[in-house]
């Protein structure tokens, strides 16, 4: 049984990350503020990581633990492609990370992750907690700004929407979280994964969506 002190340490107190499944791919978004308590350690931290052309991962929680998880997943995805000759399915990548987190449950890797991408079975997003619990989601947010983001996402999300249609809503959701959550802010990144592969939106594209 985990005592209250340990439980308090596991509370993720920063970040807003968002993942949405669309009919033609997935969208991942995050703010860029990195905090240590009330101290802003970095204003342009990377929270969306390209794992391969067809898969990416968002991170929330302890930066060191999250980056270790990203490195392990990236290495295994590349090894699978070399050995088998085809991309690793999204559910297999998510299960690999779930097993890693579960195996470390007595000294948890303090990270909450979203793993999203597209494979032969279509677009998928999986949400993982620090103990390796794994759920497939259509529309999900993590981090301290997630309640604010959910206020917009759950009101506007519909299955079968195209990436182009939903991008303005994603931007509005992450921007609202940045305005109202002290641990989220400064700027944001948005990545799209479809049949053409992984792409991050340019600053000009993000400004245009924000202005709209």
C-alpha atoms as a PDB file:
ATOM      1  CA  UNK A   1       0.000   0.000   0.000  1.00  0.00           C
ATOM      2  CA  UNK A   2       1.316   3.446  -0.929  1.00  0.00           C
ATOM      3  CA  UNK A   3       1.434   5.987   1.897  1.00  0.00           C
ATOM      4  CA  UNK A   4       0.096   9.528   1.486  1.00  0.00           C
ATOM      5  CA  UNK A   5       3.554  11.059   1.049  1.00  0.00           C
ATOM      6  CA  UNK A   6       4.336   8.687  -1.808  1.00  0.00           C
ATOM      7  CA  UNK A   7       0.954   9.381  -3.392  1.00  0.00           C
ATOM      8  CA  UNK A   8       1.558  13.134  -3.227  1.00  0.00           C
ATOM      9  CA  UNK A   9       4.917  12.702  -4.957  1.00  0.00           C
ATOM     10  CA  UNK A  10       3.191  10.874  -7.825  1.00  0.00           C
ATOM     11  CA  UNK A  11       0.810  13.736  -8.582  1.00  0.00           C
ATOM     12  CA  UNK A  12       1.823  15.219 -11.933  1.00  0.00           C
ATOM     13  CA  UNK A  13       1.897  18.981 -11.360  1.00  0.00           C
ATOM     14  CA  UNK A  14       2.792  20.382 -14.742  1.00  0.00           C
ATOM     15  CA  UNK A  15       2.102  20.291 -18.465  1.00  0.00           C
ATOM     16  CA  UNK A  16      -0.813  20.072 -20.825  1.00  0.00           C
ATOM     17  CA  UNK A  17      -0.678  17.363 -23.491  1.00  0.00           C
ATOM     18  CA  UNK A  18      -3.500  16.413 -25.850  1.00  0.00           C
ATOM     19  CA  UNK A  19      -4.100  13.519 -28.214  1.00  0.00           C
ATOM     20  CA  UNK A  20      -7.002  13.138 -30.657  1.00  0.00           C
ATOM     21  CA  UNK A  21      -7.875  10.407 -33.170  1.00  0.00           C
ATOM     22  CA  UNK A  22      -9.240  11.707 -36.474  1.00  0.00           C
ATOM     23  CA  UNK A  23     -10.494   9.788 -39.495  1.00  0.00           C
ATOM     24  CA  UNK A  24      -7.250  10.401 -41.420  1.00  0.00           C
ATOM     25  CA  UNK A  25      -4.677  10.275 -38.599  1.00  0.00           C
ATOM     26  CA  UNK A  26      -3.912  11.638 -35.144  1.00  0.00           C
ATOM     27  CA  UNK A  27      -3.098  15.034 -33.639  1.00  0.00           C
ATOM     28  CA  UNK A  28      -0.778  15.502 -30.654  1.00  0.00           C
ATOM     29  CA  UNK A  29      -0.312  18.841 -28.896  1.00  0.00           C
ATOM     30  CA  UNK A  30       1.474  20.196 -25.833  1.00  0.00           C
ATOM     31  CA  UNK A  31       2.556  23.402 -24.159  1.00  0.00           C
ATOM     32  CA  UNK A  32       6.300  24.030 -23.745  1.00  0.00           C
ATOM     33  CA  UNK A  33       6.690  25.245 -20.129  1.00  0.00           C
ATOM     34  CA  UNK A  34       8.901  23.081 -17.895  1.00  0.00           C
ATOM     35  CA  UNK A  35       8.396  23.629 -14.165  1.00  0.00           C
ATOM     36  CA  UNK A  36       9.872  22.511 -10.839  1.00  0.00           C
ATOM     37  CA  UNK A  37       7.151  23.373  -8.361  1.00  0.00           C
ATOM     38  CA  UNK A  38       6.573  27.107  -8.822  1.00  0.00           C
ATOM     39  CA  UNK A  39       9.898  27.588 -10.620  1.00  0.00           C
ATOM     40  CA  UNK A  40       9.839  27.807 -14.429  1.00  0.00           C
ATOM     41  CA  UNK A  41      12.921  25.821 -15.447  1.00  0.00           C
ATOM     42  CA  UNK A  42      12.497  26.184 -19.201  1.00  0.00           C
ATOM     43  CA  UNK A  43      10.087  28.047 -21.481  1.00  0.00           C
ATOM     44  CA  UNK A  44      10.519  25.970 -24.633  1.00  0.00           C
ATOM     45  CA  UNK A  45      10.765  22.369 -23.472  1.00  0.00           C
ATOM     46  CA  UNK A  46      10.082  19.532 -25.906  1.00  0.00           C
ATOM     47  CA  UNK A  47       7.106  17.375 -24.910  1.00  0.00           C
ATOM     48  CA  UNK A  48       6.220  15.737 -28.238  1.00  0.00           C
ATOM     49  CA  UNK A  49       8.764  13.225 -29.523  1.00  0.00           C
ATOM     50  CA  UNK A  50       8.844  11.624 -32.953  1.00  0.00           C
ATOM     51  CA  UNK A  51       9.525   7.908 -32.413  1.00  0.00           C
ATOM     52  CA  UNK A  52       9.304   6.926 -36.093  1.00  0.00           C
ATOM     53  CA  UNK A  53       7.560   8.254 -39.200  1.00  0.00           C
ATOM     54  CA  UNK A  54       4.281   6.653 -38.106  1.00  0.00           C
ATOM     55  CA  UNK A  55       4.374   7.085 -34.339  1.00  0.00           C
ATOM     56  CA  UNK A  56       5.022   9.766 -31.702  1.00  0.00           C
ATOM     57  CA  UNK A  57       4.791  10.191 -27.948  1.00  0.00           C
ATOM     58  CA  UNK A  58       3.923  13.021 -25.559  1.00  0.00           C
ATOM     59  CA  UNK A  59       5.330  13.239 -22.042  1.00  0.00           C
ATOM     60  CA  UNK A  60       4.225  14.676 -18.701  1.00  0.00           C
ATOM     61  CA  UNK A  61       5.851  14.285 -15.298  1.00  0.00           C
ATOM     62  CA  UNK A  62       9.538  13.850 -14.474  1.00  0.00           C
ATOM     63  CA  UNK A  63      11.641  14.907 -17.465  1.00  0.00           C
ATOM     64  CA  UNK A  64      14.440  12.388 -16.827  1.00  0.00           C
ATOM     65  CA  UNK A  65      12.051   9.454 -16.436  1.00  0.00           C
ATOM     66  CA  UNK A  66      10.061  10.509 -19.490  1.00  0.00           C
ATOM     67  CA  UNK A  67      13.139  10.925 -21.692  1.00  0.00           C
ATOM     68  CA  UNK A  68      14.411   7.500 -20.637  1.00  0.00           C
ATOM     69  CA  UNK A  69      11.072   6.013 -21.655  1.00  0.00           C
ATOM     70  CA  UNK A  70      11.245   7.810 -25.016  1.00  0.00           C
ATOM     71  CA  UNK A  71      14.786   6.515 -25.639  1.00  0.00           C
ATOM     72  CA  UNK A  72      13.848   2.906 -24.845  1.00  0.00           C
ATOM     73  CA  UNK A  73      10.766   3.024 -27.074  1.00  0.00           C
ATOM     74  CA  UNK A  74      12.666   4.665 -29.953  1.00  0.00           C
ATOM     75  CA  UNK A  75      15.426   2.030 -29.836  1.00  0.00           C
ATOM     76  CA  UNK A  76      12.949  -0.846 -29.817  1.00  0.00           C
ATOM     77  CA  UNK A  77      10.847   0.605 -32.646  1.00  0.00           C
ATOM     78  CA  UNK A  78      13.963   0.976 -34.815  1.00  0.00           C
ATOM     79  CA  UNK A  79      15.202  -2.529 -33.945  1.00  0.00           C
ATOM     80  CA  UNK A  80      11.814  -4.010 -34.827  1.00  0.00           C
ATOM     81  CA  UNK A  81      11.870  -2.292 -38.213  1.00  0.00           C
ATOM     82  CA  UNK A  82      15.387  -3.569 -38.913  1.00  0.00           C
ATOM     83  CA  UNK A  83      14.642  -7.131 -37.837  1.00  0.00           C
ATOM     84  CA  UNK A  84      11.107  -7.599 -39.152  1.00  0.00           C
ATOM     85  CA  UNK A  85      11.163  -5.201 -42.097  1.00  0.00           C
ATOM     86  CA  UNK A  86       7.964  -3.330 -41.265  1.00  0.00           C
ATOM     87  CA  UNK A  87       6.892  -0.621 -38.772  1.00  0.00           C
ATOM     88  CA  UNK A  88       5.955  -1.616 -35.232  1.00  0.00           C
ATOM     89  CA  UNK A  89       2.143  -1.516 -34.707  1.00  0.00           C
ATOM     90  CA  UNK A  90       0.935   1.271 -32.426  1.00  0.00           C
ATOM     91  CA  UNK A  91      -0.643  -1.099 -29.891  1.00  0.00           C
ATOM     92  CA  UNK A  92       2.622  -3.056 -29.644  1.00  0.00           C
ATOM     93  CA  UNK A  93       4.581   0.140 -28.956  1.00  0.00           C
ATOM     94  CA  UNK A  94       2.089   1.126 -26.261  1.00  0.00           C
ATOM     95  CA  UNK A  95       2.246  -2.347 -24.690  1.00  0.00           C
ATOM     96  CA  UNK A  96       6.050  -2.190 -24.654  1.00  0.00           C
ATOM     97  CA  UNK A  97       5.963   1.075 -22.686  1.00  0.00           C
ATOM     98  CA  UNK A  98       3.232  -0.293 -20.398  1.00  0.00           C
ATOM     99  CA  UNK A  99       5.438  -3.302 -19.586  1.00  0.00           C
ATOM    100  CA  UNK A 100       8.407  -1.008 -18.923  1.00  0.00           C
ATOM    101  CA  UNK A 101       6.409   1.181 -16.529  1.00  0.00           C
ATOM    102  CA  UNK A 102       4.809  -1.808 -14.789  1.00  0.00           C
ATOM    103  CA  UNK A 103       8.173  -3.519 -14.294  1.00  0.00           C
ATOM    104  CA  UNK A 104       9.394  -0.351 -12.529  1.00  0.00           C
ATOM    105  CA  UNK A 105       6.289  -0.023 -10.329  1.00  0.00           C
ATOM    106  CA  UNK A 106       8.185  -0.382  -7.016  1.00  0.00           C
ATOM    107  CA  UNK A 107      10.390   2.572  -8.007  1.00  0.00           C
ATOM    108  CA  UNK A 108       8.029   4.178 -10.527  1.00  0.00           C
ATOM    109  CA  UNK A 109       9.095   6.109 -13.593  1.00  0.00           C
ATOM    110  CA  UNK A 110       7.118   9.270 -12.877  1.00  0.00           C
ATOM    111  CA  UNK A 111       5.769   9.870 -16.340  1.00  0.00           C
ATOM    112  CA  UNK A 112       2.383   9.943 -17.972  1.00  0.00           C
ATOM    113  CA  UNK A 113       2.506   9.348 -21.708  1.00  0.00           C
ATOM    114  CA  UNK A 114       0.345   9.470 -24.789  1.00  0.00           C
ATOM    115  CA  UNK A 115       1.431   7.234 -27.658  1.00  0.00           C
ATOM    116  CA  UNK A 116      -0.227   7.959 -30.969  1.00  0.00           C
ATOM    117  CA  UNK A 117       0.182   7.059 -34.595  1.00  0.00           C
ATOM    118  CA  UNK A 118      -1.191   5.296 -37.635  1.00  0.00           C
ATOM    119  CA  UNK A 119      -0.638   1.729 -38.866  1.00  0.00           C
ATOM    120  CA  UNK A 120      -2.374  -0.921 -41.004  1.00  0.00           C
ATOM    121  CA  UNK A 121      -5.354  -0.940 -38.620  1.00  0.00           C
ATOM    122  CA  UNK A 122      -5.824   2.843 -38.703  1.00  0.00           C
ATOM    123  CA  UNK A 123      -5.060   5.727 -36.314  1.00  0.00           C
ATOM    124  CA  UNK A 124      -4.702   5.022 -32.574  1.00  0.00           C
ATOM    125  CA  UNK A 125      -3.879   6.847 -29.341  1.00  0.00           C
ATOM    126  CA  UNK A 126      -3.014   5.135 -26.061  1.00  0.00           C
ATOM    127  CA  UNK A 127      -2.759   6.710 -22.622  1.00  0.00           C
ATOM    128  CA  UNK A 128      -0.357   5.320 -19.986  1.00  0.00           C
ATOM    129  CA  UNK A 129       0.028   6.167 -16.298  1.00  0.00           C
ATOM    130  CA  UNK A 130       3.231   5.771 -14.200  1.00  0.00           C
ATOM    131  CA  UNK A 131       2.277   2.202 -13.161  1.00  0.00           C
ATOM    132  CA  UNK A 132       1.758   0.936 -16.710  1.00  0.00           C
ATOM    133  CA  UNK A 133      -2.035   1.077 -16.921  1.00  0.00           C
ATOM    134  CA  UNK A 134      -2.942   1.248 -20.603  1.00  0.00           C
ATOM    135  CA  UNK A 135      -6.125   2.530 -22.233  1.00  0.00           C
ATOM    136  CA  UNK A 136      -6.948   3.289 -25.841  1.00  0.00           C
ATOM    137  CA  UNK A 137      -8.573   6.691 -26.251  1.00  0.00           C
ATOM    138  CA  UNK A 138     -10.206   8.744 -28.985  1.00  0.00           C
ATOM    139  CA  UNK A 139      -9.732  12.127 -27.286  1.00  0.00           C
ATOM    140  CA  UNK A 140      -7.481  12.515 -24.247  1.00  0.00           C
ATOM    141  CA  UNK A 141      -5.494  15.102 -22.277  1.00  0.00           C
ATOM    142  CA  UNK A 142      -2.890  14.709 -19.518  1.00  0.00           C
ATOM    143  CA  UNK A 143      -1.123  16.968 -17.045  1.00  0.00           C
ATOM    144  CA  UNK A 144      -2.290  19.725 -14.721  1.00  0.00           C
ATOM    145  CA  UNK A 145      -3.906  21.678 -17.561  1.00  0.00           C
ATOM    146  CA  UNK A 146      -5.987  18.708 -18.737  1.00  0.00           C
ATOM    147  CA  UNK A 147      -9.254  19.652 -16.916  1.00  0.00           C
ATOM    148  CA  UNK A 148      -9.304  22.947 -18.808  1.00  0.00           C
ATOM    149  CA  UNK A 149      -8.455  21.285 -22.117  1.00  0.00           C
ATOM    150  CA  UNK A 150     -11.179  18.683 -21.577  1.00  0.00           C
ATOM    151  CA  UNK A 151     -13.738  21.464 -21.204  1.00  0.00           C
ATOM    152  CA  UNK A 152     -13.224  22.318 -24.867  1.00  0.00           C
ATOM    153  CA  UNK A 153     -12.358  18.875 -26.246  1.00  0.00           C
ATOM    154  CA  UNK A 154     -15.366  17.031 -24.830  1.00  0.00           C
ATOM    155  CA  UNK A 155     -17.710  19.747 -26.024  1.00  0.00           C
ATOM    156  CA  UNK A 156     -16.396  19.794 -29.607  1.00  0.00           C
ATOM    157  CA  UNK A 157     -15.030  16.316 -30.345  1.00  0.00           C
ATOM    158  CA  UNK A 158     -16.871  14.020 -32.755  1.00  0.00           C
ATOM    159  CA  UNK A 159     -15.619  10.742 -34.156  1.00  0.00           C
ATOM    160  CA  UNK A 160     -14.832  10.712 -37.860  1.00  0.00           C
ATOM    161  CA  UNK A 161     -13.634  14.319 -37.993  1.00  0.00           C
ATOM    162  CA  UNK A 162     -10.750  15.151 -40.356  1.00  0.00           C
ATOM    163  CA  UNK A 163      -7.432  16.445 -39.015  1.00  0.00           C
ATOM    164  CA  UNK A 164      -7.847  19.756 -40.852  1.00  0.00           C
ATOM    165  CA  UNK A 165     -11.250  20.337 -39.224  1.00  0.00           C
ATOM    166  CA  UNK A 166     -10.089  19.587 -35.692  1.00  0.00           C
ATOM    167  CA  UNK A 167      -6.763  21.451 -35.628  1.00  0.00           C
ATOM    168  CA  UNK A 168      -8.344  24.813 -34.613  1.00  0.00           C
ATOM    169  CA  UNK A 169     -10.107  23.108 -31.687  1.00  0.00           C
ATOM    170  CA  UNK A 170      -6.882  21.458 -30.499  1.00  0.00           C
ATOM    171  CA  UNK A 171      -5.101  24.807 -30.612  1.00  0.00           C
ATOM    172  CA  UNK A 172      -7.945  26.481 -28.710  1.00  0.00           C
ATOM    173  CA  UNK A 173      -7.851  23.736 -26.046  1.00  0.00           C
ATOM    174  CA  UNK A 174      -4.094  23.934 -25.410  1.00  0.00           C
ATOM    175  CA  UNK A 175      -4.158  27.728 -25.515  1.00  0.00           C
ATOM    176  CA  UNK A 176      -6.981  27.857 -22.939  1.00  0.00           C
ATOM    177  CA  UNK A 177      -5.017  25.529 -20.633  1.00  0.00           C
ATOM    178  CA  UNK A 178      -1.943  27.750 -20.989  1.00  0.00           C
ATOM    179  CA  UNK A 179      -3.983  30.800 -19.946  1.00  0.00           C
ATOM    180  CA  UNK A 180      -5.529  29.207 -16.871  1.00  0.00           C
ATOM    181  CA  UNK A 181      -2.978  26.677 -15.573  1.00  0.00           C
ATOM    182  CA  UNK A 182       0.180  28.176 -14.023  1.00  0.00           C
ATOM    183  CA  UNK A 183       2.277  25.095 -14.834  1.00  0.00           C
ATOM    184  CA  UNK A 184       1.404  25.276 -18.556  1.00  0.00           C
ATOM    185  CA  UNK A 185       2.358  28.133 -20.812  1.00  0.00           C
ATOM    186  CA  UNK A 186       4.830  30.133 -22.916  1.00  0.00           C
ATOM    187  CA  UNK A 187       4.140  28.444 -26.265  1.00  0.00           C
ATOM    188  CA  UNK A 188       2.823  25.216 -27.734  1.00  0.00           C
ATOM    189  CA  UNK A 189       3.652  22.534 -30.306  1.00  0.00           C
ATOM    190  CA  UNK A 190       1.306  20.548 -32.515  1.00  0.00           C
ATOM    191  CA  UNK A 191       2.184  17.391 -34.452  1.00  0.00           C
ATOM    192  CA  UNK A 192       0.131  15.535 -37.053  1.00  0.00           C
ATOM    193  CA  UNK A 193       0.606  11.905 -38.067  1.00  0.00           C
ATOM    194  CA  UNK A 194      -1.181  10.627 -41.155  1.00  0.00           C
ATOM    195  CA  UNK A 195      -0.422   8.340 -44.097  1.00  0.00           C
ATOM    196  CA  UNK A 196       2.282  10.782 -45.241  1.00  0.00           C
ATOM    197  CA  UNK A 197       4.097  10.436 -41.898  1.00  0.00           C
ATOM    198  CA  UNK A 198       4.956  12.696 -38.971  1.00  0.00           C
ATOM    199  CA  UNK A 199       4.900  16.488 -39.272  1.00  0.00           C
ATOM    200  CA  UNK A 200       5.070  19.342 -36.777  1.00  0.00           C
ATOM    201  CA  UNK A 201       3.154  22.521 -37.538  1.00  0.00           C
ATOM    202  CA  UNK A 202       5.248  25.586 -38.332  1.00  0.00           C
ATOM    203  CA  UNK A 203       5.103  28.764 -36.263  1.00  0.00           C
ATOM    204  CA  UNK A 204       3.189  30.452 -39.076  1.00  0.00           C
ATOM    205  CA  UNK A 205       0.597  27.662 -39.177  1.00  0.00           C
ATOM    206  CA  UNK A 206       0.130  27.809 -35.404  1.00  0.00           C
ATOM    207  CA  UNK A 207      -0.297  31.591 -35.428  1.00  0.00           C
ATOM    208  CA  UNK A 208      -2.890  31.345 -38.197  1.00  0.00           C
ATOM    209  CA  UNK A 209      -4.871  28.700 -36.273  1.00  0.00           C
ATOM    210  CA  UNK A 210      -4.643  30.733 -33.075  1.00  0.00           C
ATOM    211  CA  UNK A 211      -5.844  33.880 -34.838  1.00  0.00           C
ATOM    212  CA  UNK A 212      -8.756  32.009 -36.396  1.00  0.00           C
END
